[in-house]
Amino acid sequence: MLWLATADLVTVIHAAYVAFVVIGFAAILVGWAAGWHWVRNFYFRLAHLAMILFVCCEALIGATCPLTLLENMLRVKGGESGYSRDFIGYWLDWLIFYQAPPWVFTTAYLTFAALVLLTFWIVPMQRPTVKVSRAARS
């Protein structure tokens, strides 16, 4: 039971990863239009870009996502043969896994990454500033 609960937790983390990349992209565009300053945050933008580029690299070299491998291993240890059919596992797997040829996913990931890179031009990020204390200025 613990193996399956842990597998479900990995699925939740995987879905959160996907949500951060997709919703983060939408937030950047909406935030740009709405004048939200946080969407220009250097660390947010760098993390967002790194996450989609990691997915692109996996797709280009044909590697399976480490979260998928971990989830499958946990499900096998829990007595299942792959993705669970319990409530959490079923719906989260349904949301993030689709049936299509690998080239379709690679193309989608690369296109999405190109759009994320385009936002660096459309919505430039703000570099972090170093705050100097009064003692250091004297």
N, C-alpha and C. Protein backbone atom coordinates (compact mmCIF):
# COMPACT_ATOMS: atom_id res chain seq x y z
N MET A 1 0.82 -1.20 0.00
CA MET A 1 0.00 0.00 0.00
C MET A 1 0.86 1.27 0.00
N LEU A 2 1.97 1.23 0.78
CA LEU A 2 2.86 2.38 0.84
C LEU A 2 3.50 2.65 -0.52
N TRP A 3 3.83 1.57 -1.25
CA TRP A 3 4.42 1.74 -2.59
C TRP A 3 3.45 2.47 -3.51
N LEU A 4 2.19 2.07 -3.46
CA LEU A 4 1.19 2.68 -4.34
C LEU A 4 0.89 4.12 -3.94
N ALA A 5 0.87 4.39 -2.64
CA ALA A 5 0.66 5.77 -2.19
C ALA A 5 1.83 6.65 -2.61
N THR A 6 3.04 6.10 -2.54
CA THR A 6 4.21 6.86 -2.97
C THR A 6 4.18 7.07 -4.48
N ALA A 7 3.73 6.06 -5.22
CA ALA A 7 3.58 6.20 -6.68
C ALA A 7 2.58 7.30 -7.00
N ASP A 8 1.49 7.36 -6.25
CA ASP A 8 0.50 8.43 -6.45
C ASP A 8 1.12 9.80 -6.14
N LEU A 9 1.95 9.87 -5.12
CA LEU A 9 2.64 11.12 -4.79
C LEU A 9 3.55 11.55 -5.93
N VAL A 10 4.27 10.60 -6.53
CA VAL A 10 5.13 10.90 -7.67
C VAL A 10 4.27 11.41 -8.84
N THR A 11 3.10 10.82 -9.03
CA THR A 11 2.19 11.27 -10.08
C THR A 11 1.74 12.71 -9.83
N VAL A 12 1.44 13.03 -8.59
CA VAL A 12 1.06 14.40 -8.23
C VAL A 12 2.21 15.36 -8.52
N ILE A 13 3.42 14.97 -8.16
CA ILE A 13 4.59 15.81 -8.43
C ILE A 13 4.78 15.99 -9.94
N HIS A 14 4.58 14.91 -10.69
CA HIS A 14 4.71 14.96 -12.15
C HIS A 14 3.66 15.91 -12.75
N ALA A 15 2.44 15.80 -12.28
CA ALA A 15 1.38 16.68 -12.76
C ALA A 15 1.67 18.14 -12.37
N ALA A 16 2.23 18.36 -11.19
CA ALA A 16 2.58 19.72 -10.77
C ALA A 16 3.69 20.28 -11.66
N TYR A 17 4.63 19.46 -12.05
CA TYR A 17 5.71 19.87 -12.95
C TYR A 17 5.12 20.34 -14.29
N VAL A 18 4.25 19.50 -14.84
CA VAL A 18 3.58 19.85 -16.10
C VAL A 18 2.77 21.13 -15.94
N ALA A 19 2.03 21.23 -14.85
CA ALA A 19 1.20 22.42 -14.60
C ALA A 19 2.06 23.68 -14.47
N PHE A 20 3.20 23.57 -13.80
CA PHE A 20 4.08 24.74 -13.66
C PHE A 20 4.54 25.22 -15.03
N VAL A 21 4.92 24.28 -15.89
CA VAL A 21 5.40 24.67 -17.22
C VAL A 21 4.27 25.30 -18.05
N VAL A 22 3.13 24.65 -18.09
CA VAL A 22 2.02 25.13 -18.93
C VAL A 22 1.37 26.38 -18.33
N ILE A 23 1.01 26.32 -17.07
CA ILE A 23 0.34 27.47 -16.44
C ILE A 23 1.32 28.63 -16.28
N GLY A 24 2.58 28.30 -16.03
CA GLY A 24 3.60 29.35 -15.94
C GLY A 24 3.70 30.14 -17.23
N PHE A 25 3.64 29.44 -18.36
CA PHE A 25 3.68 30.11 -19.66
C PHE A 25 2.47 31.03 -19.83
N ALA A 26 1.30 30.51 -19.50
CA ALA A 26 0.08 31.32 -19.60
C ALA A 26 0.16 32.52 -18.65
N ALA A 27 0.69 32.31 -17.46
CA ALA A 27 0.82 33.40 -16.48
C ALA A 27 1.76 34.49 -16.99
N ILE A 28 2.82 34.09 -17.68
CA ILE A 28 3.74 35.08 -18.23
C ILE A 28 3.02 35.97 -19.24
N LEU A 29 2.24 35.35 -20.11
CA LEU A 29 1.53 36.13 -21.12
C LEU A 29 0.43 37.00 -20.51
N VAL A 30 -0.36 36.40 -19.62
CA VAL A 30 -1.43 37.16 -18.97
C VAL A 30 -0.84 38.26 -18.09
N GLY A 31 0.22 37.90 -17.37
CA GLY A 31 0.87 38.88 -16.49
C GLY A 31 1.48 40.04 -17.25
N TRP A 32 2.00 39.76 -18.41
CA TRP A 32 2.54 40.82 -19.27
C TRP A 32 1.42 41.79 -19.65
N ALA A 33 0.28 41.24 -20.08
CA ALA A 33 -0.86 42.08 -20.48
C ALA A 33 -1.45 42.82 -19.28
N ALA A 34 -1.44 42.18 -18.11
CA ALA A 34 -2.04 42.79 -16.92
C ALA A 34 -1.07 43.67 -16.14
N GLY A 35 0.19 43.66 -16.52
CA GLY A 35 1.18 44.48 -15.83
C GLY A 35 1.67 43.90 -14.52
N TRP A 36 1.60 42.57 -14.38
CA TRP A 36 2.09 41.93 -13.17
C TRP A 36 3.62 41.90 -13.21
N HIS A 37 4.25 42.40 -12.19
CA HIS A 37 5.71 42.47 -12.16
C HIS A 37 6.36 41.12 -11.85
N TRP A 38 5.68 40.27 -11.11
CA TRP A 38 6.28 39.00 -10.71
C TRP A 38 6.58 38.09 -11.88
N VAL A 39 5.89 38.26 -13.02
CA VAL A 39 6.15 37.39 -14.17
C VAL A 39 7.49 37.71 -14.84
N ARG A 40 8.11 38.79 -14.43
CA ARG A 40 9.43 39.14 -14.94
C ARG A 40 10.55 38.70 -13.99
N ASN A 41 10.17 38.02 -12.91
CA ASN A 41 11.13 37.58 -11.91
C ASN A 41 12.17 36.65 -12.53
N PHE A 42 13.43 36.99 -12.32
CA PHE A 42 14.56 36.26 -12.90
C PHE A 42 14.53 34.78 -12.54
N TYR A 43 14.33 34.46 -11.27
CA TYR A 43 14.39 33.07 -10.82
C TYR A 43 13.20 32.26 -11.33
N PHE A 44 12.02 32.85 -11.33
CA PHE A 44 10.84 32.18 -11.87
C PHE A 44 11.05 31.86 -13.34
N ARG A 45 11.52 32.83 -14.10
CA ARG A 45 11.69 32.64 -15.54
C ARG A 45 12.79 31.63 -15.85
N LEU A 46 13.88 31.68 -15.09
CA LEU A 46 14.96 30.74 -15.30
C LEU A 46 14.53 29.32 -14.98
N ALA A 47 13.81 29.14 -13.88
CA ALA A 47 13.29 27.81 -13.52
C ALA A 47 12.32 27.31 -14.57
N HIS A 48 11.46 28.18 -15.04
CA HIS A 48 10.48 27.82 -16.06
C HIS A 48 11.17 27.36 -17.34
N LEU A 49 12.15 28.12 -17.78
CA LEU A 49 12.89 27.76 -18.99
C LEU A 49 13.65 26.45 -18.80
N ALA A 50 14.32 26.29 -17.67
CA ALA A 50 15.08 25.07 -17.41
C ALA A 50 14.18 23.84 -17.42
N MET A 51 12.97 23.97 -16.88
CA MET A 51 12.07 22.83 -16.82
C MET A 51 11.62 22.38 -18.21
N ILE A 52 11.28 23.31 -19.09
CA ILE A 52 10.86 22.90 -20.43
C ILE A 52 12.05 22.42 -21.25
N LEU A 53 13.22 23.02 -21.06
CA LEU A 53 14.40 22.55 -21.79
C LEU A 53 14.81 21.15 -21.36
N PHE A 54 14.61 20.82 -20.09
CA PHE A 54 14.88 19.46 -19.61
C PHE A 54 13.99 18.46 -20.34
N VAL A 55 12.71 18.80 -20.48
CA VAL A 55 11.77 17.93 -21.19
C VAL A 55 12.19 17.78 -22.66
N CYS A 56 12.62 18.89 -23.27
CA CYS A 56 13.07 18.84 -24.66
C CYS A 56 14.29 17.93 -24.82
N CYS A 57 15.23 18.04 -23.91
CA CYS A 57 16.42 17.19 -23.97
C CYS A 57 16.05 15.72 -23.84
N GLU A 58 15.14 15.41 -22.92
CA GLU A 58 14.66 14.02 -22.78
C GLU A 58 14.08 13.52 -24.09
N ALA A 59 13.24 14.36 -24.70
CA ALA A 59 12.57 13.96 -25.94
C ALA A 59 13.58 13.78 -27.08
N LEU A 60 14.54 14.67 -27.17
CA LEU A 60 15.52 14.60 -28.26
C LEU A 60 16.42 13.37 -28.17
N ILE A 61 16.77 12.97 -26.96
CA ILE A 61 17.63 11.79 -26.83
C ILE A 61 16.83 10.50 -26.64
N GLY A 62 15.51 10.63 -26.57
CA GLY A 62 14.65 9.45 -26.44
C GLY A 62 14.64 8.85 -25.04
N ALA A 63 14.93 9.66 -24.03
CA ALA A 63 14.95 9.17 -22.65
C ALA A 63 13.55 9.24 -22.05
N THR A 64 13.27 8.31 -21.19
CA THR A 64 12.02 8.32 -20.44
C THR A 64 12.19 9.23 -19.24
N CYS A 65 11.16 9.99 -18.93
CA CYS A 65 11.20 10.91 -17.79
C CYS A 65 11.52 10.14 -16.50
N PRO A 66 12.43 10.66 -15.69
CA PRO A 66 12.76 10.00 -14.43
C PRO A 66 11.56 9.83 -13.50
N LEU A 67 10.63 10.77 -13.55
CA LEU A 67 9.43 10.64 -12.71
C LEU A 67 8.56 9.48 -13.18
N THR A 68 8.48 9.28 -14.48
CA THR A 68 7.72 8.15 -15.03
C THR A 68 8.38 6.84 -14.62
N LEU A 69 9.70 6.77 -14.74
CA LEU A 69 10.42 5.56 -14.33
C LEU A 69 10.21 5.26 -12.85
N LEU A 70 10.30 6.30 -12.02
CA LEU A 70 10.12 6.13 -10.58
C LEU A 70 8.70 5.66 -10.27
N GLU A 71 7.72 6.29 -10.90
CA GLU A 71 6.33 5.90 -10.65
C GLU A 71 6.10 4.44 -11.03
N ASN A 72 6.58 4.04 -12.21
CA ASN A 72 6.40 2.66 -12.65
C ASN A 72 7.08 1.68 -11.70
N MET A 73 8.30 1.99 -11.26
CA MET A 73 9.01 1.12 -10.34
C MET A 73 8.21 0.95 -9.04
N LEU A 74 7.68 2.06 -8.52
CA LEU A 74 6.89 2.00 -7.29
C LEU A 74 5.61 1.19 -7.48
N ARG A 75 4.98 1.33 -8.63
CA ARG A 75 3.75 0.57 -8.89
C ARG A 75 4.04 -0.92 -8.99
N VAL A 76 5.13 -1.28 -9.62
CA VAL A 76 5.51 -2.69 -9.72
C VAL A 76 5.79 -3.25 -8.33
N LYS A 77 6.52 -2.49 -7.49
CA LYS A 77 6.78 -2.92 -6.11
C LYS A 77 5.49 -3.05 -5.32
N GLY A 78 4.48 -2.25 -5.69
CA GLY A 78 3.19 -2.31 -5.01
C GLY A 78 2.27 -3.38 -5.57
N GLY A 79 2.75 -4.16 -6.54
CA GLY A 79 1.96 -5.26 -7.07
C GLY A 79 1.17 -4.92 -8.33
N GLU A 80 1.35 -3.74 -8.87
CA GLU A 80 0.66 -3.38 -10.12
C GLU A 80 1.61 -3.55 -11.30
N SER A 81 1.06 -3.42 -12.48
CA SER A 81 1.88 -3.62 -13.68
C SER A 81 2.11 -2.32 -14.44
N GLY A 82 2.13 -1.24 -13.78
CA GLY A 82 2.34 0.05 -14.44
C GLY A 82 1.43 1.07 -13.82
N TYR A 83 0.81 1.86 -14.65
CA TYR A 83 -0.03 2.95 -14.14
C TYR A 83 -1.24 2.41 -13.41
N SER A 84 -1.53 3.04 -12.29
CA SER A 84 -2.63 2.58 -11.45
C SER A 84 -3.97 2.95 -12.04
N ARG A 85 -4.95 2.32 -11.58
CA ARG A 85 -6.32 2.64 -11.97
C ARG A 85 -7.10 3.18 -10.79
N ASP A 86 -6.42 3.52 -9.69
CA ASP A 86 -7.13 4.15 -8.58
C ASP A 86 -7.45 5.60 -8.95
N PHE A 87 -8.21 6.26 -8.15
CA PHE A 87 -8.73 7.58 -8.48
C PHE A 87 -7.63 8.58 -8.82
N ILE A 88 -6.69 8.79 -7.90
CA ILE A 88 -5.66 9.80 -8.10
C ILE A 88 -4.78 9.43 -9.29
N GLY A 89 -4.28 8.21 -9.28
CA GLY A 89 -3.40 7.78 -10.36
C GLY A 89 -4.08 7.82 -11.71
N TYR A 90 -5.31 7.36 -11.78
CA TYR A 90 -6.02 7.33 -13.06
C TYR A 90 -6.17 8.72 -13.65
N TRP A 91 -6.69 9.67 -12.87
CA TRP A 91 -6.98 11.00 -13.40
C TRP A 91 -5.73 11.81 -13.69
N LEU A 92 -4.74 11.70 -12.82
CA LEU A 92 -3.51 12.44 -13.08
C LEU A 92 -2.76 11.85 -14.27
N ASP A 93 -2.72 10.52 -14.38
CA ASP A 93 -2.09 9.92 -15.57
C ASP A 93 -2.85 10.31 -16.83
N TRP A 94 -4.17 10.33 -16.75
CA TRP A 94 -4.99 10.70 -17.91
C TRP A 94 -4.68 12.14 -18.35
N LEU A 95 -4.43 13.02 -17.37
CA LEU A 95 -4.15 14.42 -17.69
C LEU A 95 -2.78 14.62 -18.35
N ILE A 96 -1.78 13.82 -17.98
CA ILE A 96 -0.43 14.13 -18.47
C ILE A 96 0.12 13.12 -19.48
N PHE A 97 -0.53 12.01 -19.72
CA PHE A 97 -0.02 11.04 -20.69
C PHE A 97 -1.03 10.85 -21.81
N TYR A 98 -0.55 10.94 -23.03
CA TYR A 98 -1.40 10.76 -24.20
C TYR A 98 -0.76 9.72 -25.10
N GLN A 99 -1.56 9.13 -25.97
CA GLN A 99 -1.05 8.14 -26.92
C GLN A 99 -0.80 8.82 -28.26
N ALA A 100 0.45 8.91 -28.66
CA ALA A 100 0.83 9.47 -29.95
C ALA A 100 2.25 9.02 -30.25
N PRO A 101 2.67 9.10 -31.51
CA PRO A 101 4.05 8.75 -31.84
C PRO A 101 5.03 9.70 -31.14
N PRO A 102 6.22 9.22 -30.81
CA PRO A 102 7.20 10.06 -30.10
C PRO A 102 7.53 11.38 -30.82
N TRP A 103 7.54 11.39 -32.14
CA TRP A 103 7.90 12.62 -32.86
C TRP A 103 6.87 13.72 -32.60
N VAL A 104 5.64 13.35 -32.34
CA VAL A 104 4.60 14.34 -32.05
C VAL A 104 4.94 15.07 -30.75
N PHE A 105 5.33 14.31 -29.73
CA PHE A 105 5.68 14.92 -28.45
C PHE A 105 6.94 15.77 -28.57
N THR A 106 7.94 15.24 -29.27
CA THR A 106 9.18 16.00 -29.44
C THR A 106 8.90 17.32 -30.13
N THR A 107 8.09 17.29 -31.18
CA THR A 107 7.73 18.51 -31.90
C THR A 107 6.97 19.47 -30.98
N ALA A 108 6.04 18.94 -30.22
CA ALA A 108 5.26 19.79 -29.30
C ALA A 108 6.16 20.41 -28.24
N TYR A 109 7.06 19.62 -27.66
CA TYR A 109 7.96 20.15 -26.63
C TYR A 109 8.87 21.23 -27.19
N LEU A 110 9.44 20.97 -28.37
CA LEU A 110 10.35 21.95 -28.97
C LEU A 110 9.62 23.23 -29.36
N THR A 111 8.40 23.10 -29.87
CA THR A 111 7.60 24.28 -30.22
C THR A 111 7.27 25.07 -28.96
N PHE A 112 6.88 24.37 -27.92
CA PHE A 112 6.56 25.04 -26.66
C PHE A 112 7.79 25.74 -26.10
N ALA A 113 8.95 25.08 -26.15
CA ALA A 113 10.18 25.70 -25.66
C ALA A 113 10.52 26.95 -26.47
N ALA A 114 10.29 26.89 -27.78
CA ALA A 114 10.54 28.07 -28.63
C ALA A 114 9.63 29.21 -28.21
N LEU A 115 8.39 28.91 -27.88
CA LEU A 115 7.46 29.95 -27.42
C LEU A 115 7.91 30.51 -26.07
N VAL A 116 8.40 29.64 -25.19
CA VAL A 116 8.91 30.12 -23.90
C VAL A 116 10.10 31.04 -24.13
N LEU A 117 11.00 30.65 -25.03
CA LEU A 117 12.15 31.52 -25.35
C LEU A 117 11.68 32.84 -25.94
N LEU A 118 10.64 32.81 -26.75
CA LEU A 118 10.09 34.03 -27.34
C LEU A 118 9.60 34.99 -26.27
N THR A 119 9.08 34.45 -25.17
CA THR A 119 8.60 35.33 -24.09
C THR A 119 9.73 36.11 -23.45
N PHE A 120 10.96 35.61 -23.56
CA PHE A 120 12.09 36.37 -23.02
C PHE A 120 12.30 37.67 -23.79
N TRP A 121 11.89 37.67 -25.03
CA TRP A 121 11.98 38.88 -25.84
C TRP A 121 10.73 39.76 -25.64
N ILE A 122 9.56 39.12 -25.63
CA ILE A 122 8.30 39.86 -25.49
C ILE A 122 8.13 40.41 -24.07
N VAL A 123 8.43 39.58 -23.09
CA VAL A 123 8.29 39.94 -21.67
C VAL A 123 9.66 39.76 -21.02
N PRO A 124 10.54 40.74 -21.17
CA PRO A 124 11.89 40.57 -20.62
C PRO A 124 11.87 40.40 -19.11
N MET A 125 12.75 39.55 -18.63
CA MET A 125 12.81 39.35 -17.18
C MET A 125 13.68 40.44 -16.55
N GLN A 126 13.46 40.64 -15.27
CA GLN A 126 14.26 41.61 -14.53
C GLN A 126 15.37 40.87 -13.82
N ARG A 127 16.56 41.30 -14.05
CA ARG A 127 17.71 40.68 -13.37
C ARG A 127 17.67 41.06 -11.90
N PRO A 128 18.10 40.14 -11.03
CA PRO A 128 18.13 40.47 -9.60
C PRO A 128 19.14 41.58 -9.34
N THR A 129 18.78 42.45 -8.44
CA THR A 129 19.68 43.55 -8.08
C THR A 129 20.34 43.25 -6.75
N VAL A 130 21.54 43.71 -6.61
CA VAL A 130 22.28 43.53 -5.36
C VAL A 130 22.01 44.74 -4.49
N LYS A 131 21.51 44.49 -3.30
CA LYS A 131 21.24 45.58 -2.37
C LYS A 131 22.49 45.82 -1.54
N VAL A 132 22.94 47.04 -1.55
CA VAL A 132 24.13 47.41 -0.79
C VAL A 132 23.68 48.11 0.48
N SER A 133 24.20 47.65 1.61
CA SER A 133 23.82 48.25 2.89
C SER A 133 24.51 49.60 3.04
N ARG A 134 23.98 50.40 3.93
CA ARG A 134 24.56 51.74 4.17
C ARG A 134 26.00 51.63 4.66
N ALA A 135 26.29 50.62 5.47
CA ALA A 135 27.64 50.45 6.00
C ALA A 135 28.63 50.16 4.88
N ALA A 136 28.21 49.43 3.89
CA ALA A 136 29.10 49.07 2.78
C ALA A 136 29.35 50.28 1.88
N ARG A 137 28.42 51.22 1.83
CA ARG A 137 28.57 52.40 0.98
C ARG A 137 29.52 53.43 1.60
N SER A 138 29.67 53.39 2.90
CA SER A 138 30.51 54.41 3.57
C SER A 138 31.97 54.15 3.43
